[in-house]
Amino acid sequence: FLGAGFWGMFMDKYGRKKGLLIFCVFVCITGLASAFSFSYWFLLLTRGLVGFGIAGGAQSVTFYSEFLPKKQRAYCLLFIQFFFAMGTFFEVILALLVMTHANLGWHYLLGLTTIPLFLDLFAFLLVPESARYYVASGQMKKARQVLEKVARTNRKQLPPGRLVSDAEKNKDWIA
């Protein structure tokens, strides 16, 4: 629970994309370090750090949801859970192959497990920052640019109107 709280606050302050890039690098480094563990205590430390870092991965669902239309959000977020389940399945298959068939040992298993994170790292470089983050941090011009880029990519027009933050929308409730 410490990792999720930390990463959530970090990404709220510094941006979803930047936070996800840092989370990925952190987990890649600590994951590879655990593959080269030389003692039980070092393995315990590095796997604990991996666990702390992996909690940042939950923020990718938040990031993803901020690009989805309301009508499709629940369906898409439910569907993304399929990929988490498939990742778990493939990890078990990888463990069977590495530990029993190839008899390589747990060092190799931990090292090979980091490969998908390196792929994620490159994927996060391709996506824009969340428009919702820009709106929440008062960067309306950047938010508009992200939305225009997403609209162009999808060959759609942005609906008319102006961007409004939650704080601005609810200021009558607060007063």
Protein backbone atom coordinates (compact mmCIF):
# COMPACT_ATOMS: atom_id res chain seq x y z
CA PHE A 1 0.00 0.00 0.00
CA LEU A 2 2.97 2.35 0.43
CA GLY A 3 3.98 2.05 -3.21
CA ALA A 4 0.52 2.76 -4.61
CA GLY A 5 0.12 5.86 -2.45
CA PHE A 6 3.58 7.12 -3.34
CA TRP A 7 3.20 6.57 -7.07
CA GLY A 8 -0.30 8.05 -7.13
CA MET A 9 0.85 11.27 -5.46
CA PHE A 10 4.00 11.39 -7.59
CA MET A 11 2.05 11.09 -10.83
CA ASP A 12 -0.54 13.63 -9.69
CA LYS A 13 2.27 16.11 -9.08
CA TYR A 14 4.68 15.40 -11.95
CA GLY A 15 2.48 13.86 -14.62
CA ARG A 16 1.26 10.40 -15.55
CA LYS A 17 3.66 9.86 -18.42
CA LYS A 18 6.76 10.98 -16.52
CA GLY A 19 5.72 8.87 -13.52
CA LEU A 20 5.14 5.79 -15.64
CA LEU A 21 8.52 6.19 -17.32
CA ILE A 22 10.24 6.50 -13.93
CA PHE A 23 8.27 3.56 -12.51
CA CYS A 24 9.33 1.42 -15.50
CA VAL A 25 13.01 2.35 -15.16
CA PHE A 26 12.86 1.77 -11.38
CA VAL A 27 11.32 -1.69 -11.75
CA CYS A 28 13.69 -2.63 -14.60
CA ILE A 29 16.73 -1.71 -12.51
CA THR A 30 15.55 -3.36 -9.30
CA GLY A 31 14.27 -6.40 -11.22
CA LEU A 32 17.60 -6.89 -12.98
CA ALA A 33 19.43 -6.30 -9.70
CA SER A 34 17.38 -9.08 -8.12
CA ALA A 35 18.42 -11.42 -10.93
CA PHE A 36 22.04 -10.84 -9.88
CA SER A 37 21.40 -11.30 -6.16
CA PHE A 38 24.41 -12.59 -4.28
CA SER A 39 22.68 -13.15 -0.93
CA TYR A 40 19.31 -13.81 0.60
CA TRP A 41 19.16 -10.30 2.10
CA PHE A 42 20.02 -8.59 -1.18
CA LEU A 43 17.34 -10.66 -2.94
CA LEU A 44 14.85 -9.71 -0.22
CA LEU A 45 15.74 -6.02 -0.57
CA THR A 46 15.57 -5.95 -4.37
CA ARG A 47 12.31 -7.92 -4.58
CA GLY A 48 10.82 -5.58 -1.95
CA LEU A 49 11.85 -2.63 -4.12
CA VAL A 50 10.35 -4.35 -7.17
CA GLY A 51 7.09 -4.70 -5.23
CA PHE A 52 7.19 -1.03 -4.27
CA GLY A 53 7.81 -0.11 -7.90
CA ILE A 54 5.22 -2.46 -9.36
CA ALA A 55 2.55 -0.60 -7.39
CA GLY A 56 3.16 2.25 -9.85
CA GLY A 57 1.89 0.00 -12.61
CA ALA A 58 -1.63 0.42 -11.28
CA GLN A 59 -1.38 4.05 -12.35
CA SER A 60 -1.19 2.88 -15.97
CA VAL A 61 -4.88 1.97 -15.67
CA THR A 62 -5.61 5.55 -14.54
CA PHE A 63 -3.53 6.87 -17.43
CA TYR A 64 -5.35 4.62 -19.91
CA SER A 65 -8.79 5.53 -18.53
CA GLU A 66 -8.11 9.24 -19.00
CA PHE A 67 -8.06 8.72 -22.77
CA LEU A 68 -11.32 6.74 -22.91
CA PRO A 69 -14.80 8.08 -23.66
CA LYS A 70 -17.25 7.69 -20.77
CA LYS A 71 -19.48 5.28 -22.68
CA GLN A 72 -16.66 2.79 -23.29
CA ARG A 73 -14.59 3.31 -20.13
CA ALA A 74 -16.07 0.50 -18.01
CA TYR A 75 -15.85 -2.04 -20.83
CA CYS A 76 -12.26 -1.11 -21.70
CA LEU A 77 -11.10 -1.12 -18.07
CA LEU A 78 -12.67 -4.51 -17.56
CA PHE A 79 -11.03 -5.76 -20.75
CA ILE A 80 -7.57 -4.57 -19.65
CA GLN A 81 -7.78 -6.99 -16.72
CA PHE A 82 -7.60 -9.78 -19.30
CA PHE A 83 -4.05 -8.68 -20.13
CA PHE A 84 -3.03 -8.74 -16.46
CA ALA A 85 -4.35 -12.30 -16.23
CA MET A 86 -2.53 -13.28 -19.43
CA GLY A 87 0.69 -11.78 -18.06
CA THR A 88 0.35 -13.96 -14.97
CA PHE A 89 -0.30 -17.00 -17.16
CA PHE A 90 2.78 -16.31 -19.30
CA GLU A 91 4.90 -15.82 -16.17
CA VAL A 92 3.92 -19.31 -15.01
CA ILE A 93 4.77 -20.75 -18.44
CA LEU A 94 8.10 -18.89 -18.41
CA ALA A 95 8.85 -20.26 -14.92
CA LEU A 96 8.07 -23.80 -16.08
CA LEU A 97 10.32 -23.46 -19.12
CA VAL A 98 13.21 -21.79 -17.32
CA MET A 99 13.14 -23.73 -14.06
CA THR A 100 12.25 -27.25 -15.21
CA HIS A 101 12.82 -27.73 -18.93
CA ALA A 102 15.91 -25.56 -19.40
CA ASN A 103 17.04 -25.94 -15.77
CA LEU A 104 18.52 -22.43 -15.83
CA GLY A 105 17.54 -21.37 -12.32
CA TRP A 106 15.78 -18.46 -10.68
CA HIS A 107 18.43 -15.88 -11.66
CA TYR A 108 17.48 -16.34 -15.32
CA LEU A 109 13.78 -16.31 -14.49
CA LEU A 110 14.04 -12.97 -12.71
CA GLY A 111 16.14 -11.51 -15.52
CA LEU A 112 13.79 -12.69 -18.27
CA THR A 113 10.80 -11.36 -16.34
CA THR A 114 12.05 -7.79 -16.82
CA ILE A 115 11.91 -7.97 -20.65
CA PRO A 116 8.22 -6.88 -20.91
CA LEU A 117 9.03 -3.82 -18.78
CA PHE A 118 11.63 -2.71 -21.30
CA LEU A 119 8.95 -2.99 -23.98
CA ASP A 120 6.59 -0.93 -21.80
CA LEU A 121 9.28 1.69 -21.41
CA PHE A 122 9.41 2.22 -25.16
CA ALA A 123 5.61 2.17 -25.43
CA PHE A 124 5.29 4.93 -22.81
CA LEU A 125 7.65 7.07 -24.88
CA LEU A 126 5.14 6.98 -27.76
CA VAL A 127 2.03 8.13 -25.88
CA PRO A 128 1.30 11.74 -24.94
CA GLU A 129 0.85 13.05 -21.43
CA SER A 130 -2.70 12.83 -20.12
CA ALA A 131 -4.89 15.81 -21.06
CA ARG A 132 -6.65 15.39 -17.72
CA TYR A 133 -3.34 15.82 -15.89
CA TYR A 134 -2.66 19.01 -17.85
CA VAL A 135 -6.13 20.36 -17.02
CA ALA A 136 -5.75 19.48 -13.32
CA SER A 137 -2.37 21.25 -13.23
CA GLY A 138 -3.75 24.34 -15.01
CA GLN A 139 -1.95 23.75 -18.31
CA MET A 140 -4.99 24.21 -20.55
CA LYS A 141 -3.02 24.94 -23.73
CA LYS A 142 -1.05 21.68 -23.45
CA ALA A 143 -4.27 19.77 -22.66
CA ARG A 144 -5.89 21.18 -25.79
CA GLN A 145 -2.86 20.20 -27.89
CA VAL A 146 -3.02 16.61 -26.60
CA LEU A 147 -6.74 16.38 -27.34
CA GLU A 148 -6.24 17.82 -30.83
CA LYS A 149 -3.49 15.28 -31.53
CA VAL A 150 -5.65 12.40 -30.28
CA ALA A 151 -8.57 13.66 -32.40
CA ARG A 152 -6.35 13.91 -35.51
CA THR A 153 -4.98 10.42 -34.93
CA ASN A 154 -8.53 9.07 -34.69
CA ARG A 155 -9.74 11.19 -37.63
CA LYS A 156 -12.33 12.89 -35.42
CA GLN A 157 -13.28 16.45 -34.58
CA LEU A 158 -13.10 17.79 -31.05
CA PRO A 159 -16.52 18.73 -29.71
CA PRO A 160 -17.12 22.46 -29.36
CA GLY A 161 -16.58 24.09 -25.98
CA ARG A 162 -13.77 24.86 -23.61
CA LEU A 163 -11.81 22.76 -21.15
CA VAL A 164 -12.86 23.11 -17.53
CA SER A 165 -11.07 21.65 -14.51
CA ASP A 166 -12.98 19.80 -11.80
CA ALA A 167 -12.13 22.59 -9.35
CA GLU A 168 -13.58 25.21 -11.72
CA LYS A 169 -16.64 23.10 -12.46
CA ASN A 170 -17.39 22.54 -8.75
CA LYS A 171 -16.48 25.97 -7.37
CA ASP A 172 -20.16 26.80 -6.74
CA TRP A 173 -20.41 23.71 -4.53
CA ILE A 174 -17.38 24.73 -2.47
CA ALA A 175 -18.48 28.34 -1.90
